Amino acid sequence: TIQSHRHPWRQQTTTSRRRGVSRLSIGELAAQ
């Protein structure tokens, strides 16, 4: 499931990371 979300997550992570959202941050850690 992470692989499928890896694409959309990476794009949203860039914008979310700037806002400091920990929700997407967790997704990035799981993908890595």
PDB file of N, CA and C in Angstrom:
ATOM      1  N   THR A   1       0.867  -1.215   0.000  1.00  0.00           N
ATOM      2  CA  THR A   1       0.000   0.000   0.000  1.00  0.00           C
ATOM      3  C   THR A   1       0.886   1.241   0.000  1.00  0.00           C
ATOM      4  N   ILE A   2       1.977   1.168   0.677  1.00  0.00           N
ATOM      5  CA  ILE A   2       2.869   2.356   0.726  1.00  0.00           C
ATOM      6  C   ILE A   2       3.385   2.672  -0.680  1.00  0.00           C
ATOM      7  N   GLN A   3       3.737   1.608  -1.423  1.00  0.00           N
ATOM      8  CA  GLN A   3       4.266   1.843  -2.781  1.00  0.00           C
ATOM      9  C   GLN A   3       3.246   2.620  -3.609  1.00  0.00           C
ATOM     10  N   SER A   4       1.993   2.280  -3.465  1.00  0.00           N
ATOM     11  CA  SER A   4       0.940   2.948  -4.258  1.00  0.00           C
ATOM     12  C   SER A   4       0.803   4.404  -3.804  1.00  0.00           C
ATOM     13  N   HIS A   5       1.005   4.633  -2.532  1.00  0.00           N
ATOM     14  CA  HIS A   5       0.880   6.014  -2.015  1.00  0.00           C
ATOM     15  C   HIS A   5       2.201   6.771  -2.137  1.00  0.00           C
ATOM     16  N   ARG A   6       3.232   6.064  -2.480  1.00  0.00           N
ATOM     17  CA  ARG A   6       4.564   6.711  -2.546  1.00  0.00           C
ATOM     18  C   ARG A   6       4.524   7.877  -3.563  1.00  0.00           C
ATOM     19  N   HIS A   7       3.884   7.673  -4.665  1.00  0.00           N
ATOM     20  CA  HIS A   7       3.849   8.743  -5.686  1.00  0.00           C
ATOM     21  C   HIS A   7       3.108   9.975  -5.174  1.00  0.00           C
ATOM     22  N   PRO A   8       1.860   9.816  -4.790  1.00  0.00           N
ATOM     23  CA  PRO A   8       1.056  10.962  -4.314  1.00  0.00           C
ATOM     24  C   PRO A   8       1.640  11.535  -3.028  1.00  0.00           C
ATOM     25  N   TRP A   9       2.184  10.692  -2.213  1.00  0.00           N
ATOM     26  CA  TRP A   9       2.727  11.196  -0.931  1.00  0.00           C
ATOM     27  C   TRP A   9       3.924  12.096  -1.181  1.00  0.00           C
ATOM     28  N   ARG A  10       4.757  11.675  -2.066  1.00  0.00           N
ATOM     29  CA  ARG A  10       5.993  12.467  -2.322  1.00  0.00           C
ATOM     30  C   ARG A  10       5.590  13.873  -2.808  1.00  0.00           C
ATOM     31  N   GLN A  11       4.620  13.943  -3.688  1.00  0.00           N
ATOM     32  CA  GLN A  11       4.219  15.271  -4.210  1.00  0.00           C
ATOM     33  C   GLN A  11       3.612  16.109  -3.086  1.00  0.00           C
ATOM     34  N   GLN A  12       2.776  15.495  -2.277  1.00  0.00           N
ATOM     35  CA  GLN A  12       2.115  16.255  -1.186  1.00  0.00           C
ATOM     36  C   GLN A  12       3.118  16.521  -0.066  1.00  0.00           C
ATOM     37  N   THR A  13       4.102  15.681   0.043  1.00  0.00           N
ATOM     38  CA  THR A  13       5.091  15.874   1.130  1.00  0.00           C
ATOM     39  C   THR A  13       5.810  17.208   0.946  1.00  0.00           C
ATOM     40  N   THR A  14       6.115  17.551  -0.282  1.00  0.00           N
ATOM     41  CA  THR A  14       6.835  18.823  -0.521  1.00  0.00           C
ATOM     42  C   THR A  14       6.032  20.003   0.022  1.00  0.00           C
ATOM     43  N   THR A  15       4.757  20.027  -0.270  1.00  0.00           N
ATOM     44  CA  THR A  15       3.933  21.161   0.212  1.00  0.00           C
ATOM     45  C   THR A  15       3.640  21.010   1.705  1.00  0.00           C
ATOM     46  N   SER A  16       3.407  19.776   2.116  1.00  0.00           N
ATOM     47  CA  SER A  16       3.073  19.540   3.540  1.00  0.00           C
ATOM     48  C   SER A  16       4.307  19.817   4.401  1.00  0.00           C
ATOM     49  N   ARG A  17       5.422  19.387   3.945  1.00  0.00           N
ATOM     50  CA  ARG A  17       6.670  19.564   4.743  1.00  0.00           C
ATOM     51  C   ARG A  17       6.858  21.066   5.029  1.00  0.00           C
ATOM     52  N   ARG A  18       6.563  21.879   4.084  1.00  0.00           N
ATOM     53  CA  ARG A  18       6.753  23.345   4.294  1.00  0.00           C
ATOM     54  C   ARG A  18       5.817  23.764   5.425  1.00  0.00           C
ATOM     55  N   ARG A  19       4.640  23.211   5.455  1.00  0.00           N
ATOM     56  CA  ARG A  19       3.622  23.620   6.509  1.00  0.00           C
ATOM     57  C   ARG A  19       4.033  22.945   7.818  1.00  0.00           C
ATOM     58  N   GLY A  20       4.789  21.896   7.739  1.00  0.00           N
ATOM     59  CA  GLY A  20       5.178  21.231   9.005  1.00  0.00           C
ATOM     60  C   GLY A  20       4.130  20.216   9.420  1.00  0.00           C
ATOM     61  N   VAL A  21       3.519  19.591   8.467  1.00  0.00           N
ATOM     62  CA  VAL A  21       2.477  18.598   8.826  1.00  0.00           C
ATOM     63  C   VAL A  21       3.149  17.281   9.232  1.00  0.00           C
ATOM     64  N   SER A  22       2.852  16.813  10.395  1.00  0.00           N
ATOM     65  CA  SER A  22       3.488  15.547  10.841  1.00  0.00           C
ATOM     66  C   SER A  22       2.756  14.354  10.222  1.00  0.00           C
ATOM     67  N   ARG A  23       1.568  14.583   9.719  1.00  0.00           N
ATOM     68  CA  ARG A  23       0.792  13.456   9.125  1.00  0.00           C
ATOM     69  C   ARG A  23       1.534  12.949   7.886  1.00  0.00           C
ATOM     70  N   LEU A  24       1.960  13.838   7.017  1.00  0.00           N
ATOM     71  CA  LEU A  24       2.659  13.391   5.796  1.00  0.00           C
ATOM     72  C   LEU A  24       4.080  12.964   6.172  1.00  0.00           C
ATOM     73  N   SER A  25       4.615  13.589   7.196  1.00  0.00           N
ATOM     74  CA  SER A  25       5.985  13.248   7.626  1.00  0.00           C
ATOM     75  C   SER A  25       6.057  11.752   7.942  1.00  0.00           C
ATOM     76  N   ILE A  26       5.051  11.263   8.622  1.00  0.00           N
ATOM     77  CA  ILE A  26       5.033   9.829   8.983  1.00  0.00           C
ATOM     78  C   ILE A  26       4.998   8.987   7.701  1.00  0.00           C
ATOM     79  N   GLY A  27       4.245   9.425   6.735  1.00  0.00           N
ATOM     80  CA  GLY A  27       4.149   8.673   5.475  1.00  0.00           C
ATOM     81  C   GLY A  27       5.503   8.607   4.786  1.00  0.00           C
ATOM     82  N   GLU A  28       6.233   9.684   4.836  1.00  0.00           N
ATOM     83  CA  GLU A  28       7.553   9.693   4.176  1.00  0.00           C
ATOM     84  C   GLU A  28       8.490   8.711   4.887  1.00  0.00           C
ATOM     85  N   LEU A  29       8.427   8.688   6.192  1.00  0.00           N
ATOM     86  CA  LEU A  29       9.315   7.790   6.957  1.00  0.00           C
ATOM     87  C   LEU A  29       8.963   6.335   6.634  1.00  0.00           C
ATOM     88  N   ALA A  30       7.694   6.054   6.515  1.00  0.00           N
ATOM     89  CA  ALA A  30       7.259   4.674   6.225  1.00  0.00           C
ATOM     90  C   ALA A  30       7.710   4.278   4.816  1.00  0.00           C
ATOM     91  N   ALA A  31       7.662   5.222   3.896  1.00  0.00           N
ATOM     92  CA  ALA A  31       8.056   4.916   2.510  1.00  0.00           C
ATOM     93  C   ALA A  31       9.560   4.649   2.467  1.00  0.00           C
ATOM     94  N   GLN A  32      10.299   5.377   3.265  1.00  0.00           N
ATOM     95  CA  GLN A  32      11.758   5.200   3.254  1.00  0.00           C
ATOM     96  C   GLN A  32      12.098   3.899   3.930  1.00  0.00           C
TER      97      GLN A  32
END
